[in-house]
N, C-alpha and C. Protein backbone atom coordinates (compact mmCIF):
# COMPACT_ATOMS: atom_id res chain seq x y z
N PHE A 1 -8.82 21.92 -21.88
CA PHE A 1 -8.98 21.31 -20.54
C PHE A 1 -9.92 20.12 -20.66
N THR A 2 -9.42 18.90 -20.73
CA THR A 2 -10.21 17.71 -20.99
C THR A 2 -10.91 17.23 -19.73
N HIS A 3 -11.86 16.29 -19.93
CA HIS A 3 -12.56 15.69 -18.80
C HIS A 3 -11.57 14.98 -17.88
N SER A 4 -10.63 14.25 -18.47
CA SER A 4 -9.66 13.50 -17.68
C SER A 4 -8.82 14.43 -16.81
N ALA A 5 -8.44 15.57 -17.39
CA ALA A 5 -7.65 16.55 -16.63
C ALA A 5 -8.46 17.11 -15.47
N ALA A 6 -9.74 17.36 -15.71
CA ALA A 6 -10.61 17.89 -14.66
C ALA A 6 -10.79 16.87 -13.54
N ILE A 7 -10.95 15.61 -13.92
CA ILE A 7 -11.09 14.54 -12.92
C ILE A 7 -9.80 14.40 -12.13
N SER A 8 -8.66 14.53 -12.81
CA SER A 8 -7.36 14.45 -12.13
C SER A 8 -7.22 15.56 -11.10
N ALA A 9 -7.77 16.74 -11.42
CA ALA A 9 -7.73 17.85 -10.48
C ALA A 9 -8.55 17.51 -9.23
N CYS A 10 -9.67 16.83 -9.43
CA CYS A 10 -10.50 16.40 -8.29
C CYS A 10 -9.76 15.35 -7.47
N GLU A 11 -9.04 14.48 -8.14
CA GLU A 11 -8.26 13.46 -7.45
C GLU A 11 -7.23 14.11 -6.54
N ALA A 12 -6.53 15.11 -7.07
CA ALA A 12 -5.50 15.79 -6.30
C ALA A 12 -6.11 16.50 -5.09
N GLY A 13 -7.34 16.94 -5.22
CA GLY A 13 -8.00 17.64 -4.13
C GLY A 13 -8.77 16.72 -3.20
N GLY A 14 -8.73 15.43 -3.47
CA GLY A 14 -9.41 14.47 -2.62
C GLY A 14 -10.93 14.50 -2.75
N ARG A 15 -11.43 15.02 -3.85
CA ARG A 15 -12.88 15.14 -4.04
C ARG A 15 -13.39 14.00 -4.92
N TRP A 16 -13.43 12.80 -4.35
CA TRP A 16 -13.81 11.63 -5.13
C TRP A 16 -15.27 11.67 -5.58
N GLU A 17 -16.15 12.31 -4.79
CA GLU A 17 -17.56 12.38 -5.18
C GLU A 17 -17.72 13.19 -6.46
N VAL A 18 -17.00 14.31 -6.54
CA VAL A 18 -17.06 15.16 -7.74
C VAL A 18 -16.45 14.42 -8.93
N ALA A 19 -15.34 13.74 -8.68
CA ALA A 19 -14.69 12.98 -9.76
C ALA A 19 -15.62 11.90 -10.30
N LEU A 20 -16.33 11.22 -9.40
CA LEU A 20 -17.25 10.16 -9.82
C LEU A 20 -18.41 10.74 -10.62
N ASP A 21 -18.91 11.89 -10.19
CA ASP A 21 -20.02 12.54 -10.92
C ASP A 21 -19.56 12.97 -12.31
N MET A 22 -18.35 13.50 -12.42
CA MET A 22 -17.83 13.91 -13.72
C MET A 22 -17.66 12.72 -14.65
N LEU A 23 -17.21 11.59 -14.08
CA LEU A 23 -17.04 10.39 -14.90
C LEU A 23 -18.37 9.93 -15.48
N SER A 24 -19.42 10.03 -14.68
CA SER A 24 -20.75 9.57 -15.13
C SER A 24 -21.29 10.43 -16.27
N ARG A 25 -20.75 11.64 -16.43
CA ARG A 25 -21.22 12.55 -17.48
C ARG A 25 -20.46 12.39 -18.80
N ILE A 26 -19.42 11.54 -18.78
CA ILE A 26 -18.64 11.32 -20.00
C ILE A 26 -19.25 10.16 -20.78
N ALA A 27 -19.56 10.38 -22.04
CA ALA A 27 -20.21 9.35 -22.86
C ALA A 27 -19.30 8.14 -23.05
N ARG A 28 -18.05 8.41 -23.37
CA ARG A 28 -17.10 7.32 -23.61
C ARG A 28 -15.82 7.57 -22.83
N PRO A 29 -15.85 7.32 -21.54
CA PRO A 29 -14.64 7.55 -20.73
C PRO A 29 -13.53 6.59 -21.12
N ASP A 30 -12.30 7.08 -21.07
CA ASP A 30 -11.16 6.22 -21.39
C ASP A 30 -10.48 5.75 -20.10
N SER A 31 -9.39 5.00 -20.27
CA SER A 31 -8.70 4.44 -19.11
C SER A 31 -8.11 5.53 -18.22
N PHE A 32 -7.73 6.67 -18.82
CA PHE A 32 -7.16 7.76 -18.04
C PHE A 32 -8.20 8.36 -17.09
N ALA A 33 -9.44 8.51 -17.58
CA ALA A 33 -10.51 9.04 -16.75
C ALA A 33 -10.81 8.07 -15.60
N PHE A 34 -10.89 6.79 -15.93
CA PHE A 34 -11.16 5.79 -14.90
C PHE A 34 -10.04 5.73 -13.87
N SER A 35 -8.80 5.80 -14.33
CA SER A 35 -7.67 5.70 -13.39
C SER A 35 -7.66 6.88 -12.43
N ALA A 36 -8.04 8.08 -12.92
CA ALA A 36 -8.07 9.26 -12.05
C ALA A 36 -9.13 9.10 -10.96
N VAL A 37 -10.32 8.60 -11.35
CA VAL A 37 -11.39 8.41 -10.37
C VAL A 37 -11.01 7.29 -9.39
N LEU A 38 -10.42 6.23 -9.91
CA LEU A 38 -9.98 5.13 -9.06
C LEU A 38 -8.93 5.59 -8.05
N SER A 39 -8.04 6.45 -8.50
CA SER A 39 -7.02 6.98 -7.59
C SER A 39 -7.66 7.81 -6.48
N ALA A 40 -8.66 8.60 -6.84
CA ALA A 40 -9.37 9.41 -5.84
C ALA A 40 -10.09 8.51 -4.84
N CYS A 41 -10.73 7.45 -5.33
CA CYS A 41 -11.42 6.51 -4.45
C CYS A 41 -10.41 5.74 -3.59
N GLY A 42 -9.25 5.43 -4.19
CA GLY A 42 -8.22 4.71 -3.45
C GLY A 42 -7.71 5.51 -2.27
N LYS A 43 -7.49 6.80 -2.48
CA LYS A 43 -6.98 7.67 -1.42
C LYS A 43 -8.02 7.84 -0.30
N ALA A 44 -9.31 7.73 -0.69
CA ALA A 44 -10.38 7.90 0.29
C ALA A 44 -10.79 6.59 0.95
N GLY A 45 -10.20 5.47 0.49
CA GLY A 45 -10.54 4.17 1.05
C GLY A 45 -11.92 3.67 0.63
N GLU A 46 -12.43 4.19 -0.48
CA GLU A 46 -13.75 3.79 -0.96
C GLU A 46 -13.62 2.52 -1.80
N TRP A 47 -13.43 1.40 -1.11
CA TRP A 47 -13.13 0.14 -1.80
C TRP A 47 -14.31 -0.39 -2.60
N GLN A 48 -15.54 -0.20 -2.12
CA GLN A 48 -16.70 -0.70 -2.86
C GLN A 48 -16.86 0.03 -4.19
N LEU A 49 -16.66 1.35 -4.15
CA LEU A 49 -16.73 2.12 -5.39
C LEU A 49 -15.60 1.73 -6.34
N ALA A 50 -14.42 1.51 -5.78
CA ALA A 50 -13.27 1.14 -6.61
C ALA A 50 -13.53 -0.18 -7.33
N LEU A 51 -14.07 -1.15 -6.61
CA LEU A 51 -14.38 -2.44 -7.24
C LEU A 51 -15.46 -2.28 -8.30
N GLY A 52 -16.44 -1.42 -8.02
CA GLY A 52 -17.49 -1.17 -9.00
C GLY A 52 -16.94 -0.53 -10.27
N LEU A 53 -15.98 0.35 -10.11
CA LEU A 53 -15.36 1.00 -11.27
C LEU A 53 -14.55 0.00 -12.10
N LEU A 54 -13.85 -0.91 -11.42
CA LEU A 54 -13.13 -1.95 -12.17
C LEU A 54 -14.10 -2.81 -12.96
N GLY A 55 -15.23 -3.13 -12.35
CA GLY A 55 -16.25 -3.91 -13.05
C GLY A 55 -16.82 -3.17 -14.24
N GLU A 56 -17.02 -1.86 -14.08
CA GLU A 56 -17.53 -1.04 -15.17
C GLU A 56 -16.53 -0.97 -16.31
N MET A 57 -15.25 -0.91 -15.99
CA MET A 57 -14.24 -0.92 -17.04
C MET A 57 -14.29 -2.21 -17.85
N GLN A 58 -14.43 -3.32 -17.15
CA GLN A 58 -14.50 -4.61 -17.84
C GLN A 58 -15.76 -4.69 -18.69
N ARG A 59 -16.87 -4.14 -18.18
CA ARG A 59 -18.12 -4.15 -18.95
C ARG A 59 -17.98 -3.35 -20.24
N ARG A 60 -17.21 -2.27 -20.15
CA ARG A 60 -16.97 -1.42 -21.33
C ARG A 60 -15.79 -1.91 -22.17
N GLN A 61 -15.23 -3.03 -21.78
CA GLN A 61 -14.09 -3.63 -22.48
C GLN A 61 -12.88 -2.69 -22.50
N ILE A 62 -12.67 -2.04 -21.35
CA ILE A 62 -11.48 -1.20 -21.16
C ILE A 62 -10.58 -1.94 -20.17
N PRO A 63 -9.48 -2.51 -20.64
CA PRO A 63 -8.62 -3.28 -19.73
C PRO A 63 -8.06 -2.40 -18.61
N PRO A 64 -8.30 -2.77 -17.36
CA PRO A 64 -7.72 -1.98 -16.25
C PRO A 64 -6.19 -2.09 -16.26
N ASP A 65 -5.50 -0.97 -16.26
CA ASP A 65 -4.05 -1.00 -16.28
C ASP A 65 -3.49 -1.08 -14.85
N THR A 66 -2.19 -1.03 -14.75
CA THR A 66 -1.54 -1.16 -13.44
C THR A 66 -1.94 -0.04 -12.49
N VAL A 67 -2.07 1.17 -13.03
CA VAL A 67 -2.46 2.31 -12.19
C VAL A 67 -3.85 2.10 -11.60
N CYS A 68 -4.79 1.67 -12.44
CA CYS A 68 -6.17 1.44 -11.98
C CYS A 68 -6.21 0.36 -10.90
N CYS A 69 -5.54 -0.75 -11.16
CA CYS A 69 -5.57 -1.86 -10.21
C CYS A 69 -4.87 -1.50 -8.90
N SER A 70 -3.76 -0.79 -9.00
CA SER A 70 -3.03 -0.38 -7.79
C SER A 70 -3.89 0.55 -6.94
N ALA A 71 -4.62 1.45 -7.61
CA ALA A 71 -5.51 2.37 -6.89
C ALA A 71 -6.62 1.60 -6.18
N ALA A 72 -7.16 0.59 -6.85
CA ALA A 72 -8.22 -0.23 -6.25
C ALA A 72 -7.69 -1.00 -5.04
N ILE A 73 -6.47 -1.50 -5.14
CA ILE A 73 -5.85 -2.20 -4.01
C ILE A 73 -5.65 -1.25 -2.85
N SER A 74 -5.21 -0.03 -3.15
CA SER A 74 -5.02 0.98 -2.10
C SER A 74 -6.32 1.28 -1.36
N ALA A 75 -7.43 1.23 -2.09
CA ALA A 75 -8.73 1.48 -1.47
C ALA A 75 -9.09 0.40 -0.46
N CYS A 76 -8.49 -0.77 -0.61
CA CYS A 76 -8.77 -1.89 0.31
C CYS A 76 -7.97 -1.80 1.61
N GLU A 77 -6.98 -0.91 1.65
CA GLU A 77 -6.08 -0.82 2.81
C GLU A 77 -6.76 -0.40 4.11
N PRO A 78 -7.49 0.74 4.16
CA PRO A 78 -7.99 1.24 5.44
C PRO A 78 -8.83 0.25 6.24
N GLU A 79 -9.67 -0.51 5.56
CA GLU A 79 -10.53 -1.46 6.26
C GLU A 79 -9.95 -2.88 6.26
N GLY A 80 -8.72 -3.02 5.75
CA GLY A 80 -8.07 -4.33 5.78
C GLY A 80 -8.74 -5.37 4.91
N ARG A 81 -9.24 -4.98 3.76
CA ARG A 81 -9.89 -5.93 2.86
C ARG A 81 -8.82 -6.70 2.07
N TRP A 82 -8.05 -7.51 2.81
CA TRP A 82 -6.90 -8.17 2.20
C TRP A 82 -7.30 -9.20 1.15
N GLU A 83 -8.46 -9.86 1.34
CA GLU A 83 -8.88 -10.85 0.34
C GLU A 83 -9.13 -10.19 -1.01
N LEU A 84 -9.80 -9.04 -0.97
CA LEU A 84 -10.08 -8.31 -2.21
C LEU A 84 -8.79 -7.77 -2.82
N ALA A 85 -7.89 -7.29 -1.96
CA ALA A 85 -6.61 -6.78 -2.45
C ALA A 85 -5.85 -7.88 -3.19
N LEU A 86 -5.85 -9.08 -2.62
CA LEU A 86 -5.15 -10.19 -3.27
C LEU A 86 -5.82 -10.60 -4.57
N ALA A 87 -7.16 -10.55 -4.60
CA ALA A 87 -7.88 -10.90 -5.81
C ALA A 87 -7.54 -9.95 -6.96
N ILE A 88 -7.46 -8.66 -6.63
CA ILE A 88 -7.10 -7.67 -7.65
C ILE A 88 -5.65 -7.87 -8.09
N LEU A 89 -4.77 -8.13 -7.12
CA LEU A 89 -3.36 -8.35 -7.43
C LEU A 89 -3.20 -9.55 -8.36
N ALA A 90 -4.00 -10.60 -8.13
CA ALA A 90 -3.91 -11.83 -8.93
C ALA A 90 -4.35 -11.62 -10.38
N MET A 91 -5.24 -10.65 -10.59
CA MET A 91 -5.74 -10.42 -11.95
C MET A 91 -4.80 -9.54 -12.78
N MET A 92 -3.77 -8.99 -12.13
CA MET A 92 -2.85 -8.10 -12.83
C MET A 92 -1.79 -8.90 -13.59
N ALA A 93 -1.54 -8.49 -14.82
CA ALA A 93 -0.52 -9.17 -15.62
C ALA A 93 0.88 -8.86 -15.12
N SER A 94 1.11 -7.60 -14.77
CA SER A 94 2.44 -7.18 -14.31
C SER A 94 2.31 -6.25 -13.11
N PRO A 95 2.01 -6.81 -11.94
CA PRO A 95 1.94 -5.94 -10.75
C PRO A 95 3.28 -5.32 -10.44
N ASN A 96 3.28 -4.09 -10.01
CA ASN A 96 4.53 -3.39 -9.73
C ASN A 96 4.75 -3.24 -8.22
N THR A 97 5.77 -2.51 -7.87
CA THR A 97 6.11 -2.33 -6.45
C THR A 97 4.97 -1.66 -5.69
N ILE A 98 4.33 -0.69 -6.31
CA ILE A 98 3.22 0.01 -5.66
C ILE A 98 2.07 -0.94 -5.39
N SER A 99 1.77 -1.81 -6.36
CA SER A 99 0.68 -2.77 -6.22
C SER A 99 0.94 -3.70 -5.03
N PHE A 100 2.14 -4.26 -4.98
CA PHE A 100 2.49 -5.18 -3.90
C PHE A 100 2.49 -4.48 -2.55
N SER A 101 3.05 -3.28 -2.50
CA SER A 101 3.12 -2.54 -1.23
C SER A 101 1.73 -2.26 -0.69
N ALA A 102 0.80 -1.90 -1.58
CA ALA A 102 -0.57 -1.64 -1.16
C ALA A 102 -1.23 -2.92 -0.65
N ALA A 103 -0.98 -4.04 -1.33
CA ALA A 103 -1.55 -5.32 -0.90
C ALA A 103 -0.99 -5.73 0.46
N ILE A 104 0.29 -5.48 0.67
CA ILE A 104 0.92 -5.79 1.96
C ILE A 104 0.27 -4.95 3.07
N SER A 105 0.05 -3.68 2.79
CA SER A 105 -0.58 -2.79 3.78
C SER A 105 -1.99 -3.24 4.13
N ALA A 106 -2.69 -3.83 3.15
CA ALA A 106 -4.05 -4.31 3.39
C ALA A 106 -4.08 -5.47 4.39
N CYS A 107 -2.93 -6.11 4.59
CA CYS A 107 -2.84 -7.24 5.53
C CYS A 107 -2.72 -6.79 6.98
N ARG A 108 -2.48 -5.49 7.19
CA ARG A 108 -2.18 -4.99 8.53
C ARG A 108 -3.36 -5.08 9.49
N GLU A 109 -4.52 -4.63 9.05
CA GLU A 109 -5.67 -4.50 9.95
C GLU A 109 -6.03 -5.81 10.65
N HIS A 110 -5.93 -6.92 9.93
CA HIS A 110 -6.30 -8.22 10.50
C HIS A 110 -5.07 -9.07 10.86
N GLY A 111 -3.90 -8.44 10.90
CA GLY A 111 -2.71 -9.12 11.37
C GLY A 111 -2.25 -10.29 10.52
N ARG A 112 -2.40 -10.20 9.22
CA ARG A 112 -2.00 -11.29 8.33
C ARG A 112 -0.51 -11.17 8.00
N TRP A 113 0.32 -11.32 9.02
CA TRP A 113 1.75 -11.08 8.83
C TRP A 113 2.42 -12.13 7.96
N GLN A 114 1.96 -13.40 8.06
CA GLN A 114 2.57 -14.43 7.20
C GLN A 114 2.31 -14.12 5.73
N LEU A 115 1.11 -13.67 5.45
CA LEU A 115 0.75 -13.32 4.07
C LEU A 115 1.57 -12.12 3.59
N ALA A 116 1.77 -11.15 4.47
CA ALA A 116 2.57 -9.97 4.12
C ALA A 116 3.99 -10.37 3.76
N LEU A 117 4.56 -11.26 4.55
CA LEU A 117 5.92 -11.74 4.26
C LEU A 117 5.96 -12.52 2.95
N LEU A 118 4.91 -13.29 2.68
CA LEU A 118 4.85 -14.05 1.43
C LEU A 118 4.78 -13.12 0.22
N LEU A 119 3.97 -12.09 0.34
CA LEU A 119 3.87 -11.12 -0.76
C LEU A 119 5.20 -10.44 -1.02
N LEU A 120 5.90 -10.09 0.06
CA LEU A 120 7.20 -9.44 -0.08
C LEU A 120 8.18 -10.36 -0.80
N SER A 121 8.13 -11.64 -0.47
CA SER A 121 9.05 -12.61 -1.09
C SER A 121 8.69 -12.88 -2.55
N ARG A 122 7.43 -12.69 -2.91
CA ARG A 122 6.99 -12.96 -4.28
C ARG A 122 7.27 -11.82 -5.24
N MET A 123 7.64 -10.69 -4.71
CA MET A 123 7.86 -9.53 -5.56
C MET A 123 8.95 -9.76 -6.59
N ALA A 124 10.03 -10.40 -6.18
CA ALA A 124 11.15 -10.63 -7.09
C ALA A 124 10.73 -11.46 -8.30
N ALA A 125 9.87 -12.45 -8.06
CA ALA A 125 9.41 -13.33 -9.15
C ALA A 125 8.59 -12.55 -10.17
N GLN A 126 7.96 -11.46 -9.73
CA GLN A 126 7.16 -10.62 -10.62
C GLN A 126 7.96 -9.42 -11.14
N ARG A 127 9.27 -9.44 -10.88
CA ARG A 127 10.15 -8.34 -11.30
C ARG A 127 9.73 -7.01 -10.70
N ALA A 128 9.19 -7.08 -9.50
CA ALA A 128 8.84 -5.87 -8.75
C ALA A 128 9.83 -5.76 -7.60
N VAL A 129 10.69 -4.79 -7.65
CA VAL A 129 11.76 -4.67 -6.67
C VAL A 129 11.22 -4.03 -5.39
N PRO A 130 11.34 -4.71 -4.23
CA PRO A 130 10.86 -4.11 -2.97
C PRO A 130 11.64 -2.84 -2.65
N ASP A 131 10.94 -1.80 -2.27
CA ASP A 131 11.60 -0.56 -1.85
C ASP A 131 11.34 -0.33 -0.36
N ASP A 132 11.72 0.85 0.13
CA ASP A 132 11.54 1.12 1.55
C ASP A 132 10.07 1.13 1.94
N ILE A 133 9.19 1.54 1.01
CA ILE A 133 7.76 1.54 1.31
C ILE A 133 7.24 0.11 1.48
N SER A 134 7.73 -0.80 0.65
CA SER A 134 7.34 -2.20 0.75
C SER A 134 7.75 -2.77 2.09
N TYR A 135 9.00 -2.52 2.48
CA TYR A 135 9.49 -3.02 3.76
C TYR A 135 8.79 -2.36 4.94
N ASN A 136 8.57 -1.07 4.85
CA ASN A 136 7.87 -0.37 5.93
C ASN A 136 6.47 -0.92 6.13
N ALA A 137 5.79 -1.22 5.01
CA ALA A 137 4.44 -1.79 5.09
C ALA A 137 4.48 -3.14 5.79
N CYS A 138 5.47 -3.95 5.43
CA CYS A 138 5.60 -5.29 6.01
C CYS A 138 5.97 -5.21 7.50
N ILE A 139 6.85 -4.30 7.83
CA ILE A 139 7.22 -4.10 9.24
C ILE A 139 6.00 -3.66 10.04
N GLY A 140 5.18 -2.81 9.44
CA GLY A 140 3.96 -2.35 10.10
C GLY A 140 3.00 -3.49 10.39
N VAL A 141 2.88 -4.42 9.45
CA VAL A 141 2.02 -5.59 9.65
C VAL A 141 2.55 -6.44 10.80
N CYS A 142 3.87 -6.64 10.81
CA CYS A 142 4.49 -7.44 11.87
C CYS A 142 4.35 -6.77 13.23
N ALA A 143 4.44 -5.44 13.26
CA ALA A 143 4.27 -4.71 14.51
C ALA A 143 2.85 -4.88 15.04
N LYS A 144 1.87 -4.78 14.14
CA LYS A 144 0.47 -4.95 14.51
C LYS A 144 0.23 -6.34 15.09
N SER A 145 0.98 -7.33 14.58
CA SER A 145 0.80 -8.72 15.00
C SER A 145 1.75 -9.13 16.11
N GLN A 146 2.51 -8.18 16.64
CA GLN A 146 3.46 -8.43 17.73
C GLN A 146 4.56 -9.42 17.33
N GLN A 147 4.93 -9.41 16.06
CA GLN A 147 5.98 -10.30 15.56
C GLN A 147 7.30 -9.53 15.52
N TRP A 148 7.90 -9.33 16.69
CA TRP A 148 9.09 -8.49 16.77
C TRP A 148 10.30 -9.11 16.10
N GLN A 149 10.40 -10.46 16.14
CA GLN A 149 11.55 -11.09 15.47
C GLN A 149 11.52 -10.84 13.97
N GLN A 150 10.31 -10.95 13.38
CA GLN A 150 10.17 -10.72 11.95
C GLN A 150 10.44 -9.27 11.60
N ALA A 151 9.97 -8.36 12.44
CA ALA A 151 10.19 -6.93 12.19
C ALA A 151 11.68 -6.60 12.18
N LEU A 152 12.41 -7.14 13.15
CA LEU A 152 13.85 -6.90 13.20
C LEU A 152 14.57 -7.53 12.02
N SER A 153 14.09 -8.71 11.61
CA SER A 153 14.69 -9.38 10.45
C SER A 153 14.49 -8.54 9.18
N LEU A 154 13.31 -7.95 9.05
CA LEU A 154 13.03 -7.10 7.89
C LEU A 154 13.90 -5.85 7.89
N LEU A 155 14.10 -5.30 9.08
CA LEU A 155 14.96 -4.12 9.21
C LEU A 155 16.39 -4.45 8.78
N GLU A 156 16.84 -5.64 9.14
CA GLU A 156 18.19 -6.08 8.75
C GLU A 156 18.27 -6.31 7.24
N ARG A 157 17.22 -6.87 6.68
CA ARG A 157 17.20 -7.11 5.23
C ARG A 157 17.24 -5.80 4.46
N MET A 158 16.59 -4.79 4.98
CA MET A 158 16.64 -3.47 4.34
C MET A 158 18.08 -2.98 4.22
N GLN A 159 18.83 -3.14 5.30
CA GLN A 159 20.21 -2.68 5.31
C GLN A 159 21.06 -3.49 4.34
N LEU A 160 20.80 -4.80 4.26
CA LEU A 160 21.55 -5.66 3.34
C LEU A 160 21.29 -5.29 1.88
N GLN A 161 20.09 -4.78 1.63
CA GLN A 161 19.73 -4.38 0.26
C GLN A 161 20.00 -2.89 0.02
N LEU A 162 20.76 -2.30 0.95
CA LEU A 162 21.18 -0.90 0.83
C LEU A 162 20.01 0.07 0.78
N LEU A 163 18.93 -0.30 1.48
CA LEU A 163 17.79 0.60 1.61
C LEU A 163 17.91 1.32 2.95
N ARG A 164 17.82 2.61 2.93
CA ARG A 164 17.98 3.39 4.16
C ARG A 164 16.75 3.26 5.05
N ALA A 165 16.98 2.82 6.27
CA ALA A 165 15.88 2.74 7.24
C ALA A 165 15.45 4.15 7.63
N SER A 166 14.15 4.37 7.65
CA SER A 166 13.60 5.68 7.98
C SER A 166 12.99 5.64 9.38
N CYS A 167 12.41 6.77 9.75
CA CYS A 167 11.70 6.83 11.03
C CYS A 167 10.57 5.81 11.05
N VAL A 168 9.87 5.66 9.92
CA VAL A 168 8.76 4.71 9.84
C VAL A 168 9.26 3.28 10.05
N SER A 169 10.41 2.95 9.43
CA SER A 169 10.98 1.61 9.56
C SER A 169 11.33 1.31 11.01
N CYS A 170 12.07 2.22 11.62
CA CYS A 170 12.58 1.99 12.97
C CYS A 170 11.50 2.03 14.03
N THR A 171 10.60 2.99 13.93
CA THR A 171 9.54 3.06 14.93
C THR A 171 8.57 1.88 14.79
N GLY A 172 8.41 1.37 13.57
CA GLY A 172 7.60 0.17 13.38
C GLY A 172 8.23 -1.02 14.08
N ALA A 173 9.54 -1.17 13.91
CA ALA A 173 10.26 -2.27 14.57
C ALA A 173 10.25 -2.08 16.09
N MET A 174 10.39 -0.83 16.54
CA MET A 174 10.34 -0.55 17.97
C MET A 174 8.97 -0.89 18.55
N ALA A 175 7.91 -0.57 17.81
CA ALA A 175 6.56 -0.89 18.27
C ALA A 175 6.37 -2.40 18.39
N ALA A 176 6.92 -3.14 17.42
CA ALA A 176 6.83 -4.61 17.48
C ALA A 176 7.55 -5.13 18.72
N CYS A 177 8.72 -4.58 19.02
CA CYS A 177 9.47 -5.00 20.21
C CYS A 177 8.72 -4.63 21.49
N ALA A 178 8.11 -3.46 21.49
CA ALA A 178 7.36 -3.03 22.68
C ALA A 178 6.16 -3.94 22.92
N HIS A 179 5.46 -4.30 21.84
CA HIS A 179 4.32 -5.20 21.97
C HIS A 179 4.75 -6.58 22.48
N GLY A 180 5.98 -6.96 22.13
CA GLY A 180 6.51 -8.24 22.57
C GLY A 180 7.28 -8.15 23.87
N CYS A 181 7.15 -7.00 24.55
CA CYS A 181 7.85 -6.77 25.83
C CYS A 181 9.36 -6.88 25.71
N GLN A 182 9.88 -6.57 24.54
CA GLN A 182 11.33 -6.59 24.32
C GLN A 182 11.86 -5.17 24.50
N TRP A 183 11.82 -4.69 25.75
CA TRP A 183 12.15 -3.30 26.03
C TRP A 183 13.62 -2.98 25.75
N GLN A 184 14.49 -3.95 26.04
CA GLN A 184 15.92 -3.71 25.81
C GLN A 184 16.20 -3.50 24.32
N LEU A 185 15.55 -4.31 23.49
CA LEU A 185 15.72 -4.15 22.04
C LEU A 185 15.15 -2.82 21.57
N SER A 186 14.04 -2.40 22.17
CA SER A 186 13.46 -1.11 21.81
C SER A 186 14.44 0.03 22.11
N ARG A 187 15.08 -0.06 23.27
CA ARG A 187 16.05 0.98 23.64
C ARG A 187 17.26 0.96 22.71
N LEU A 188 17.69 -0.24 22.32
CA LEU A 188 18.82 -0.34 21.39
C LEU A 188 18.48 0.28 20.04
N LEU A 189 17.25 0.04 19.59
CA LEU A 189 16.82 0.62 18.32
C LEU A 189 16.75 2.14 18.41
N LEU A 190 16.26 2.64 19.53
CA LEU A 190 16.20 4.09 19.71
C LEU A 190 17.60 4.70 19.69
N ALA A 191 18.55 4.01 20.34
CA ALA A 191 19.93 4.49 20.34
C ALA A 191 20.50 4.47 18.92
N LYS A 192 20.14 3.43 18.16
CA LYS A 192 20.62 3.32 16.77
C LYS A 192 20.04 4.45 15.92
N MET A 193 18.79 4.78 16.16
CA MET A 193 18.17 5.87 15.43
C MET A 193 18.89 7.19 15.69
N ARG A 194 19.24 7.40 16.94
CA ARG A 194 19.95 8.63 17.29
C ARG A 194 21.33 8.66 16.63
N GLU A 195 21.95 7.47 16.57
CA GLU A 195 23.25 7.38 15.93
C GLU A 195 23.16 7.72 14.45
N LEU A 196 22.06 7.27 13.82
CA LEU A 196 21.87 7.52 12.39
C LEU A 196 21.17 8.85 12.14
N GLU A 197 20.90 9.59 13.21
CA GLU A 197 20.24 10.88 13.12
C GLU A 197 18.86 10.76 12.48
N ILE A 198 18.12 9.73 12.92
CA ILE A 198 16.74 9.54 12.48
C ILE A 198 15.84 10.01 13.60
N GLU A 199 14.97 10.96 13.31
CA GLU A 199 14.08 11.51 14.32
C GLU A 199 13.00 10.51 14.67
N ALA A 200 12.82 10.23 15.94
CA ALA A 200 11.83 9.27 16.38
C ALA A 200 10.44 9.88 16.39
N ALA A 201 9.47 9.07 15.95
CA ALA A 201 8.08 9.49 16.01
C ALA A 201 7.43 8.87 17.24
N ALA A 202 6.31 9.41 17.64
CA ALA A 202 5.61 8.85 18.79
C ALA A 202 5.06 7.48 18.44
N LEU A 203 5.28 6.51 19.31
CA LEU A 203 4.80 5.16 19.06
C LEU A 203 3.33 5.07 19.41
């Protein structure tokens, strides 16, 4: 039962404080140990700790991998630290779909919908294929910013790319329409959800 495995168990249990304490007791922690602690901090939204851990990895000359960086970006989501999320994304050699989706979500709190759309469009250039989570994150940003036209356009793009719209996708678009006083479109979307047998969530 290695230190990394024990830290991973703490990550799964959401006990980032314990994971961080265990990391401090390892003389020569490897990238796996750091990634587990970073993931725990990411899930808890502890962005300051996540950034500190990335700095510690660089100090120890341990290159942060995609998992570590993606976890740090995820930590920036709850408080909308989109500038930091973008900075971490920029330092990655090969950001993946998870990395981009997390960065898009970080744009939500402060309504950076143009940036979210730009990130979504840049994914192809980085060979990161947008999935339903990527689109849902972007639709959520547009809903927060009352950009109902963009939300509906994203929903249409999902269908064109053969991605199945979920409750999250549709209710996000419905919320954008409601914020924009597009009640008729909201009702049409609700009817479409019923047609597709998608259970509606509370807006």
